[in-house]
Amino acid sequence: MKTRMRIWKGGLILALGMALWIGLGEAEAGSDWLKTGGDLLKQATGSPAAGGKSSEGALAPAEIGEGLKEALRVGTDRVVGRLGAADGFNADPKVHIPLPKSLQTVHQALSRVGMGGMTQDLELRLNRAAEAATPKARDLFLDAISRMTIADAQKIWKGPSDAATRYFEGKMSAPLAAVMRPVVEESLTAAGAVQAYDQVMGRYRSLPLVPDLKADLTGHVVDGALGGIFSYLAEEEAAIRANPARRTTELLKKVFGSTN
């Protein structure tokens, strides 16, 4: 009888031990499952995982929008300082403004009779006008940048390194060109380009058997100036996105630092 009792007790202890072992295993598995689920939830909501960094989803849409605006504002100031200086356009082969196509024909005709220097001087004055107009256009750019919406920002946040500039260029080139025309016209007059153009065309028309040509100097310089500004603005945006040293404000560090 005692032997049977000992066997029964031993079996009961073994059964209880097995049940406890299985229960602990399930609890541990449940703990792992809960941990995994919690990590996934944190990733989905943008909350930082334990010991990790906040994901870019933690940035509010308004912060992303302001960060992109800030990048364009900072880039604009740098570009204006570069292109608005003496020889900013004229000495830079990347943005140098050549004569309009119609005036290149005029240049060839005048060069044949030893008067090519007149058109070369005109080309210099076109670039001087762009250099003078660029600082005056700064406020126009900043005003246009301020009107970028949160919806605009979210479209370009995941884009390539110059996405903000290219989106801004596509949306604002036409209105910016319209408001820049009077600025450029004033700069052309101040640079002596209008007078130089009249002298060039007077000499050209005195030549025998030449076609009647004319050029829209203002439109040509506006297009060249905008093209140069947007070209370097794209480079500035890419540098701010890629290089922490170019993020010179706290907002830029916060917004673009989250993408690294």
C-alpha atoms as a PDB file:
ATOM      1  CA  MET A   1       0.000   0.000   0.000  1.00  0.00           C
ATOM      2  CA  LYS A   2       2.825   2.397   0.939  1.00  0.00           C
ATOM      3  CA  THR A   3       4.563   1.563  -2.310  1.00  0.00           C
ATOM      4  CA  ARG A   4       1.462   2.432  -4.284  1.00  0.00           C
ATOM      5  CA  MET A   5       1.127   5.703  -2.382  1.00  0.00           C
ATOM      6  CA  ARG A   6       4.716   6.682  -3.154  1.00  0.00           C
ATOM      7  CA  ILE A   7       4.193   5.928  -6.850  1.00  0.00           C
ATOM      8  CA  TRP A   8       0.985   7.977  -6.906  1.00  0.00           C
ATOM      9  CA  LYS A   9       2.653  10.956  -5.200  1.00  0.00           C
ATOM     10  CA  GLY A  10       5.602  10.756  -7.549  1.00  0.00           C
ATOM     11  CA  GLY A  11       3.314  10.762 -10.566  1.00  0.00           C
ATOM     12  CA  LEU A  12       1.411  13.744  -9.200  1.00  0.00           C
ATOM     13  CA  ILE A  13       4.600  15.721  -8.637  1.00  0.00           C
ATOM     14  CA  LEU A  14       5.802  14.859 -12.141  1.00  0.00           C
ATOM     15  CA  ALA A  15       2.469  15.952 -13.641  1.00  0.00           C
ATOM     16  CA  LEU A  16       2.526  19.198 -11.696  1.00  0.00           C
ATOM     17  CA  GLY A  17       6.102  19.798 -12.803  1.00  0.00           C
ATOM     18  CA  MET A  18       5.193  19.221 -16.461  1.00  0.00           C
ATOM     19  CA  ALA A  19       2.225  21.559 -16.193  1.00  0.00           C
ATOM     20  CA  LEU A  20       4.380  24.275 -14.619  1.00  0.00           C
ATOM     21  CA  TRP A  21       7.069  23.862 -17.283  1.00  0.00           C
ATOM     22  CA  ILE A  22       4.488  24.107 -20.106  1.00  0.00           C
ATOM     23  CA  GLY A  23       2.853  27.109 -18.466  1.00  0.00           C
ATOM     24  CA  LEU A  24       6.155  28.944 -18.151  1.00  0.00           C
ATOM     25  CA  GLY A  25       6.968  28.173 -21.788  1.00  0.00           C
ATOM     26  CA  GLU A  26       3.653  29.592 -22.951  1.00  0.00           C
ATOM     27  CA  ALA A  27       4.127  32.677 -20.806  1.00  0.00           C
ATOM     28  CA  GLU A  28       7.588  33.235 -22.268  1.00  0.00           C
ATOM     29  CA  ALA A  29       6.249  32.781 -25.803  1.00  0.00           C
ATOM     30  CA  GLY A  30       3.395  35.132 -24.987  1.00  0.00           C
ATOM     31  CA  SER A  31       5.902  37.677 -23.686  1.00  0.00           C
ATOM     32  CA  ASP A  32       7.900  37.461 -26.937  1.00  0.00           C
ATOM     33  CA  TRP A  33       4.727  37.880 -28.974  1.00  0.00           C
ATOM     34  CA  LEU A  34       3.669  40.915 -26.941  1.00  0.00           C
ATOM     35  CA  LYS A  35       7.129  42.444 -27.284  1.00  0.00           C
ATOM     36  CA  THR A  36       7.082  41.946 -31.062  1.00  0.00           C
ATOM     37  CA  GLY A  37       3.606  43.413 -31.305  1.00  0.00           C
ATOM     38  CA  GLY A  38       4.667  46.383 -29.196  1.00  0.00           C
ATOM     39  CA  ASP A  39       7.677  47.027 -31.435  1.00  0.00           C
ATOM     40  CA  LEU A  40       5.495  46.904 -34.538  1.00  0.00           C
ATOM     41  CA  LEU A  41       3.027  49.312 -32.950  1.00  0.00           C
ATOM     42  CA  LYS A  42       5.825  51.713 -32.099  1.00  0.00           C
ATOM     43  CA  GLN A  43       7.054  51.589 -35.691  1.00  0.00           C
ATOM     44  CA  ALA A  44       3.560  52.190 -37.036  1.00  0.00           C
ATOM     45  CA  THR A  45       2.919  55.182 -34.764  1.00  0.00           C
ATOM     46  CA  GLY A  46       6.395  56.682 -35.071  1.00  0.00           C
ATOM     47  CA  SER A  47       7.241  56.141 -31.380  1.00  0.00           C
ATOM     48  CA  PRO A  48      10.898  55.366 -30.667  1.00  0.00           C
ATOM     49  CA  ALA A  49      11.817  51.764 -29.970  1.00  0.00           C
ATOM     50  CA  ALA A  50      13.658  51.078 -26.764  1.00  0.00           C
ATOM     51  CA  GLY A  51      17.216  52.398 -27.028  1.00  0.00           C
ATOM     52  CA  GLY A  52      16.610  53.660 -30.561  1.00  0.00           C
ATOM     53  CA  LYS A  53      16.014  56.944 -32.410  1.00  0.00           C
ATOM     54  CA  SER A  54      12.675  58.429 -33.315  1.00  0.00           C
ATOM     55  CA  SER A  55      11.597  57.517 -36.816  1.00  0.00           C
ATOM     56  CA  GLU A  56      10.907  60.253 -39.366  1.00  0.00           C
ATOM     57  CA  GLY A  57       7.206  59.565 -38.859  1.00  0.00           C
ATOM     58  CA  ALA A  58       7.549  61.341 -35.481  1.00  0.00           C
ATOM     59  CA  LEU A  59       7.880  64.639 -37.352  1.00  0.00           C
ATOM     60  CA  ALA A  60       4.614  66.493 -37.717  1.00  0.00           C
ATOM     61  CA  PRO A  61       3.589  67.392 -41.282  1.00  0.00           C
ATOM     62  CA  ALA A  62       3.838  71.080 -40.353  1.00  0.00           C
ATOM     63  CA  GLU A  63       7.457  70.568 -39.231  1.00  0.00           C
ATOM     64  CA  ILE A  64       8.327  68.867 -42.508  1.00  0.00           C
ATOM     65  CA  GLY A  65       6.763  71.745 -44.437  1.00  0.00           C
ATOM     66  CA  GLU A  66       8.601  74.369 -42.418  1.00  0.00           C
ATOM     67  CA  GLY A  67      11.846  72.441 -42.818  1.00  0.00           C
ATOM     68  CA  LEU A  68      11.543  72.411 -46.601  1.00  0.00           C
ATOM     69  CA  LYS A  69      10.677  76.119 -46.628  1.00  0.00           C
ATOM     70  CA  GLU A  70      13.667  76.807 -44.412  1.00  0.00           C
ATOM     71  CA  ALA A  71      15.944  74.895 -46.792  1.00  0.00           C
ATOM     72  CA  LEU A  72      14.678  76.988 -49.713  1.00  0.00           C
ATOM     73  CA  ARG A  73      15.027  80.229 -47.744  1.00  0.00           C
ATOM     74  CA  VAL A  74      18.578  79.459 -46.645  1.00  0.00           C
ATOM     75  CA  GLY A  75      19.464  78.262 -50.148  1.00  0.00           C
ATOM     76  CA  THR A  76      17.991  81.413 -51.700  1.00  0.00           C
ATOM     77  CA  ASP A  77      20.093  83.667 -49.467  1.00  0.00           C
ATOM     78  CA  ARG A  78      23.241  81.766 -50.421  1.00  0.00           C
ATOM     79  CA  VAL A  79      22.453  81.800 -54.134  1.00  0.00           C
ATOM     80  CA  VAL A  80      21.557  85.503 -54.130  1.00  0.00           C
ATOM     81  CA  GLY A  81      24.846  86.274 -52.418  1.00  0.00           C
ATOM     82  CA  ARG A  82      26.702  84.289 -55.057  1.00  0.00           C
ATOM     83  CA  LEU A  83      24.954  85.379 -58.258  1.00  0.00           C
ATOM     84  CA  GLY A  84      24.155  88.918 -57.139  1.00  0.00           C
ATOM     85  CA  ALA A  85      27.837  89.834 -56.900  1.00  0.00           C
ATOM     86  CA  ALA A  86      30.036  91.249 -59.664  1.00  0.00           C
ATOM     87  CA  ASP A  87      30.669  88.540 -62.272  1.00  0.00           C
ATOM     88  CA  GLY A  88      28.209  86.220 -60.515  1.00  0.00           C
ATOM     89  CA  PHE A  89      26.657  85.460 -63.902  1.00  0.00           C
ATOM     90  CA  ASN A  90      29.224  86.818 -66.305  1.00  0.00           C
ATOM     91  CA  ALA A  91      32.238  84.824 -65.094  1.00  0.00           C
ATOM     92  CA  ASP A  92      30.401  81.594 -64.333  1.00  0.00           C
ATOM     93  CA  PRO A  93      30.153  79.373 -67.434  1.00  0.00           C
ATOM     94  CA  LYS A  94      27.369  77.370 -65.807  1.00  0.00           C
ATOM     95  CA  VAL A  95      24.956  80.333 -65.632  1.00  0.00           C
ATOM     96  CA  HIS A  96      26.509  82.892 -68.015  1.00  0.00           C
ATOM     97  CA  ILE A  97      23.780  84.461 -70.156  1.00  0.00           C
ATOM     98  CA  PRO A  98      24.690  84.447 -73.857  1.00  0.00           C
ATOM     99  CA  LEU A  99      23.220  86.682 -76.502  1.00  0.00           C
ATOM    100  CA  PRO A 100      19.720  85.746 -77.648  1.00  0.00           C
ATOM    101  CA  LYS A 101      19.804  83.505 -80.731  1.00  0.00           C
ATOM    102  CA  SER A 102      18.687  86.284 -83.047  1.00  0.00           C
ATOM    103  CA  LEU A 103      21.502  88.533 -81.818  1.00  0.00           C
ATOM    104  CA  GLN A 104      24.073  85.827 -82.410  1.00  0.00           C
ATOM    105  CA  THR A 105      23.315  86.287 -86.094  1.00  0.00           C
ATOM    106  CA  VAL A 106      23.792  90.026 -85.594  1.00  0.00           C
ATOM    107  CA  HIS A 107      27.114  89.347 -83.847  1.00  0.00           C
ATOM    108  CA  GLN A 108      28.360  87.262 -86.771  1.00  0.00           C
ATOM    109  CA  ALA A 109      27.397  89.961 -89.257  1.00  0.00           C
ATOM    110  CA  LEU A 110      29.071  92.740 -87.273  1.00  0.00           C
ATOM    111  CA  SER A 111      32.180  90.602 -86.640  1.00  0.00           C
ATOM    112  CA  ARG A 112      32.702  90.322 -90.385  1.00  0.00           C
ATOM    113  CA  VAL A 113      33.099  94.100 -90.595  1.00  0.00           C
ATOM    114  CA  GLY A 114      35.205  94.452 -87.459  1.00  0.00           C
ATOM    115  CA  MET A 115      32.420  95.530 -85.091  1.00  0.00           C
ATOM    116  CA  GLY A 116      31.955  92.341 -83.085  1.00  0.00           C
ATOM    117  CA  GLY A 117      33.073  94.134 -79.935  1.00  0.00           C
ATOM    118  CA  MET A 118      29.702  95.906 -79.846  1.00  0.00           C
ATOM    119  CA  THR A 119      27.764  92.697 -79.364  1.00  0.00           C
ATOM    120  CA  GLN A 120      30.326  91.373 -76.902  1.00  0.00           C
ATOM    121  CA  ASP A 121      29.818  94.504 -74.840  1.00  0.00           C
ATOM    122  CA  LEU A 122      26.044  94.012 -75.053  1.00  0.00           C
ATOM    123  CA  GLU A 123      26.398  90.429 -73.794  1.00  0.00           C
ATOM    124  CA  LEU A 124      28.418  91.665 -70.823  1.00  0.00           C
ATOM    125  CA  ARG A 125      25.712  94.205 -70.000  1.00  0.00           C
ATOM    126  CA  LEU A 126      23.024  91.526 -70.107  1.00  0.00           C
ATOM    127  CA  ASN A 127      24.901  89.601 -67.447  1.00  0.00           C
ATOM    128  CA  ARG A 128      25.449  92.754 -65.407  1.00  0.00           C
ATOM    129  CA  ALA A 129      21.701  93.345 -65.493  1.00  0.00           C
ATOM    130  CA  ALA A 130      21.054  89.815 -64.188  1.00  0.00           C
ATOM    131  CA  GLU A 131      23.571  90.355 -61.387  1.00  0.00           C
ATOM    132  CA  ALA A 132      21.870  93.610 -60.409  1.00  0.00           C
ATOM    133  CA  ALA A 133      18.359  92.123 -60.570  1.00  0.00           C
ATOM    134  CA  THR A 134      19.098  89.019 -58.482  1.00  0.00           C
ATOM    135  CA  PRO A 135      19.291  90.714 -55.043  1.00  0.00           C
ATOM    136  CA  LYS A 136      16.133  92.670 -55.865  1.00  0.00           C
ATOM    137  CA  ALA A 137      14.366  89.401 -56.664  1.00  0.00           C
ATOM    138  CA  ARG A 138      15.231  87.890 -53.272  1.00  0.00           C
ATOM    139  CA  ASP A 139      12.060  89.114 -51.567  1.00  0.00           C
ATOM    140  CA  LEU A 140       9.974  87.799 -54.465  1.00  0.00           C
ATOM    141  CA  PHE A 141      11.430  84.336 -53.924  1.00  0.00           C
ATOM    142  CA  LEU A 142      10.959  84.435 -50.163  1.00  0.00           C
ATOM    143  CA  ASP A 143       7.338  85.503 -50.550  1.00  0.00           C
ATOM    144  CA  ALA A 144       6.685  82.662 -53.004  1.00  0.00           C
ATOM    145  CA  ILE A 145       8.385  80.158 -50.666  1.00  0.00           C
ATOM    146  CA  SER A 146       6.189  81.273 -47.760  1.00  0.00           C
ATOM    147  CA  ARG A 147       3.113  80.236 -49.734  1.00  0.00           C
ATOM    148  CA  MET A 148       4.203  76.609 -50.076  1.00  0.00           C
ATOM    149  CA  THR A 149       1.526  74.487 -48.383  1.00  0.00           C
ATOM    150  CA  ILE A 150       1.783  71.424 -46.144  1.00  0.00           C
ATOM    151  CA  ALA A 151       0.264  69.408 -48.992  1.00  0.00           C
ATOM    152  CA  ASP A 152       3.061  70.663 -51.266  1.00  0.00           C
ATOM    153  CA  ALA A 153       5.658  69.625 -48.691  1.00  0.00           C
ATOM    154  CA  GLN A 154       4.317  66.113 -48.247  1.00  0.00           C
ATOM    155  CA  LYS A 155       4.459  65.541 -52.016  1.00  0.00           C
ATOM    156  CA  ILE A 156       8.152  66.343 -52.162  1.00  0.00           C
ATOM    157  CA  TRP A 157       9.442  65.109 -48.768  1.00  0.00           C
ATOM    158  CA  LYS A 158      10.259  61.643 -50.124  1.00  0.00           C
ATOM    159  CA  GLY A 159      11.501  62.937 -53.480  1.00  0.00           C
ATOM    160  CA  PRO A 160      15.045  63.246 -54.842  1.00  0.00           C
ATOM    161  CA  SER A 161      17.661  65.587 -53.405  1.00  0.00           C
ATOM    162  CA  ASP A 162      16.386  68.628 -55.350  1.00  0.00           C
ATOM    163  CA  ALA A 163      12.676  67.799 -55.094  1.00  0.00           C
ATOM    164  CA  ALA A 164      11.676  70.976 -53.236  1.00  0.00           C
ATOM    165  CA  THR A 165      13.497  73.214 -55.708  1.00  0.00           C
ATOM    166  CA  ARG A 166      12.077  71.494 -58.780  1.00  0.00           C
ATOM    167  CA  TYR A 167       8.551  71.503 -57.408  1.00  0.00           C
ATOM    168  CA  PHE A 168       8.923  75.177 -56.498  1.00  0.00           C
ATOM    169  CA  GLU A 169      10.383  75.942 -59.927  1.00  0.00           C
ATOM    170  CA  GLY A 170       7.547  74.224 -61.766  1.00  0.00           C
ATOM    171  CA  LYS A 171       4.888  75.957 -59.728  1.00  0.00           C
ATOM    172  CA  MET A 172       6.387  79.439 -59.409  1.00  0.00           C
ATOM    173  CA  SER A 173       8.458  80.100 -62.552  1.00  0.00           C
ATOM    174  CA  ALA A 174       5.648  81.816 -64.452  1.00  0.00           C
ATOM    175  CA  PRO A 175       4.495  84.160 -61.656  1.00  0.00           C
ATOM    176  CA  LEU A 176       8.089  84.923 -60.668  1.00  0.00           C
ATOM    177  CA  ALA A 177       8.956  85.774 -64.273  1.00  0.00           C
ATOM    178  CA  ALA A 178       6.008  88.170 -64.415  1.00  0.00           C
ATOM    179  CA  VAL A 179       7.029  90.089 -61.320  1.00  0.00           C
ATOM    180  CA  MET A 180      10.727  90.023 -62.246  1.00  0.00           C
ATOM    181  CA  ARG A 181      10.209  91.679 -65.625  1.00  0.00           C
ATOM    182  CA  PRO A 182      10.068  95.258 -64.305  1.00  0.00           C
ATOM    183  CA  VAL A 183      13.051  94.554 -62.037  1.00  0.00           C
ATOM    184  CA  VAL A 184      15.086  93.292 -64.990  1.00  0.00           C
ATOM    185  CA  GLU A 185      13.951  96.143 -67.243  1.00  0.00           C
ATOM    186  CA  GLU A 186      15.236  98.619 -64.689  1.00  0.00           C
ATOM    187  CA  SER A 187      18.503  96.704 -64.377  1.00  0.00           C
ATOM    188  CA  LEU A 188      18.954  96.577 -68.170  1.00  0.00           C
ATOM    189  CA  THR A 189      18.592 100.343 -68.374  1.00  0.00           C
ATOM    190  CA  ALA A 190      20.945 100.911 -65.448  1.00  0.00           C
ATOM    191  CA  ALA A 191      23.549  98.565 -66.973  1.00  0.00           C
ATOM    192  CA  GLY A 192      23.425 100.404 -70.289  1.00  0.00           C
ATOM    193  CA  ALA A 193      22.182  97.318 -72.106  1.00  0.00           C
ATOM    194  CA  VAL A 194      19.222  99.068 -73.738  1.00  0.00           C
ATOM    195  CA  GLN A 195      21.414 101.805 -75.169  1.00  0.00           C
ATOM    196  CA  ALA A 196      24.003  99.245 -76.277  1.00  0.00           C
ATOM    197  CA  TYR A 197      21.266  97.213 -77.992  1.00  0.00           C
ATOM    198  CA  ASP A 198      20.010 100.255 -79.910  1.00  0.00           C
ATOM    199  CA  GLN A 199      23.551 101.013 -81.081  1.00  0.00           C
ATOM    200  CA  VAL A 200      24.153  97.405 -82.115  1.00  0.00           C
ATOM    201  CA  MET A 201      20.927  97.217 -84.100  1.00  0.00           C
ATOM    202  CA  GLY A 202      21.605 100.587 -85.724  1.00  0.00           C
ATOM    203  CA  ARG A 203      24.978  99.368 -86.988  1.00  0.00           C
ATOM    204  CA  TYR A 204      23.553  96.037 -88.060  1.00  0.00           C
ATOM    205  CA  ARG A 205      20.720  97.563 -90.083  1.00  0.00           C
ATOM    206  CA  SER A 206      23.207  99.774 -91.905  1.00  0.00           C
ATOM    207  CA  LEU A 207      24.762  96.657 -93.429  1.00  0.00           C
ATOM    208  CA  PRO A 208      23.517  95.616 -96.871  1.00  0.00           C
ATOM    209  CA  LEU A 209      21.226  92.611 -97.359  1.00  0.00           C
ATOM    210  CA  VAL A 210      20.783  91.585 -93.735  1.00  0.00           C
ATOM    211  CA  PRO A 211      17.513  90.129 -92.415  1.00  0.00           C
ATOM    212  CA  ASP A 212      15.402  92.198 -90.081  1.00  0.00           C
ATOM    213  CA  LEU A 213      15.943  90.861 -86.551  1.00  0.00           C
ATOM    214  CA  LYS A 214      14.932  91.848 -83.047  1.00  0.00           C
ATOM    215  CA  ALA A 215      15.179  90.420 -79.558  1.00  0.00           C
ATOM    216  CA  ASP A 216      13.278  90.541 -76.286  1.00  0.00           C
ATOM    217  CA  LEU A 217      16.169  91.416 -74.003  1.00  0.00           C
ATOM    218  CA  THR A 218      14.022  91.540 -70.872  1.00  0.00           C
ATOM    219  CA  GLY A 219      12.482  88.111 -71.379  1.00  0.00           C
ATOM    220  CA  HIS A 220      15.865  86.645 -72.264  1.00  0.00           C
ATOM    221  CA  VAL A 221      17.536  87.969 -69.105  1.00  0.00           C
ATOM    222  CA  VAL A 222      14.576  86.957 -66.900  1.00  0.00           C
ATOM    223  CA  ASP A 223      14.761  83.392 -68.224  1.00  0.00           C
ATOM    224  CA  GLY A 224      18.535  83.287 -67.804  1.00  0.00           C
ATOM    225  CA  ALA A 225      18.446  84.730 -64.298  1.00  0.00           C
ATOM    226  CA  LEU A 226      15.715  82.344 -63.114  1.00  0.00           C
ATOM    227  CA  GLY A 227      17.499  79.393 -64.681  1.00  0.00           C
ATOM    228  CA  GLY A 228      20.724  80.274 -62.886  1.00  0.00           C
ATOM    229  CA  ILE A 229      19.025  80.850 -59.548  1.00  0.00           C
ATOM    230  CA  PHE A 230      17.098  77.567 -59.671  1.00  0.00           C
ATOM    231  CA  SER A 231      20.185  75.662 -60.798  1.00  0.00           C
ATOM    232  CA  TYR A 232      22.196  76.705 -57.765  1.00  0.00           C
ATOM    233  CA  LEU A 233      19.190  76.515 -55.445  1.00  0.00           C
ATOM    234  CA  ALA A 234      18.863  72.830 -56.355  1.00  0.00           C
ATOM    235  CA  GLU A 235      22.516  72.311 -55.407  1.00  0.00           C
ATOM    236  CA  GLU A 236      21.989  74.069 -52.082  1.00  0.00           C
ATOM    237  CA  GLU A 237      18.968  71.914 -51.263  1.00  0.00           C
ATOM    238  CA  ALA A 238      20.886  68.732 -52.068  1.00  0.00           C
ATOM    239  CA  ALA A 239      23.778  69.870 -49.867  1.00  0.00           C
ATOM    240  CA  ILE A 240      21.448  70.623 -46.933  1.00  0.00           C
ATOM    241  CA  ARG A 241      19.830  67.196 -47.250  1.00  0.00           C
ATOM    242  CA  ALA A 242      23.140  65.336 -47.462  1.00  0.00           C
ATOM    243  CA  ASN A 243      25.611  67.337 -45.387  1.00  0.00           C
ATOM    244  CA  PRO A 244      24.953  68.056 -41.687  1.00  0.00           C
ATOM    245  CA  ALA A 245      27.450  70.937 -41.815  1.00  0.00           C
ATOM    246  CA  ARG A 246      25.172  72.807 -44.230  1.00  0.00           C
ATOM    247  CA  ARG A 247      22.212  72.692 -41.803  1.00  0.00           C
ATOM    248  CA  THR A 248      22.816  76.038 -40.184  1.00  0.00           C
ATOM    249  CA  THR A 249      19.550  76.342 -38.212  1.00  0.00           C
ATOM    250  CA  GLU A 250      17.976  74.175 -35.511  1.00  0.00           C
ATOM    251  CA  LEU A 251      14.959  73.472 -37.723  1.00  0.00           C
ATOM    252  CA  LEU A 252      17.147  72.199 -40.549  1.00  0.00           C
ATOM    253  CA  LYS A 253      19.059  69.978 -38.140  1.00  0.00           C
ATOM    254  CA  LYS A 254      15.839  68.531 -36.736  1.00  0.00           C
ATOM    255  CA  VAL A 255      14.002  67.930 -40.018  1.00  0.00           C
ATOM    256  CA  PHE A 256      16.844  66.785 -42.251  1.00  0.00           C
ATOM    257  CA  GLY A 257      18.732  65.040 -39.460  1.00  0.00           C
ATOM    258  CA  SER A 258      15.782  62.654 -39.115  1.00  0.00           C
ATOM    259  CA  THR A 259      16.310  61.379 -42.658  1.00  0.00           C
ATOM    260  CA  ASN A 260      19.931  60.277 -42.110  1.00  0.00           C
END
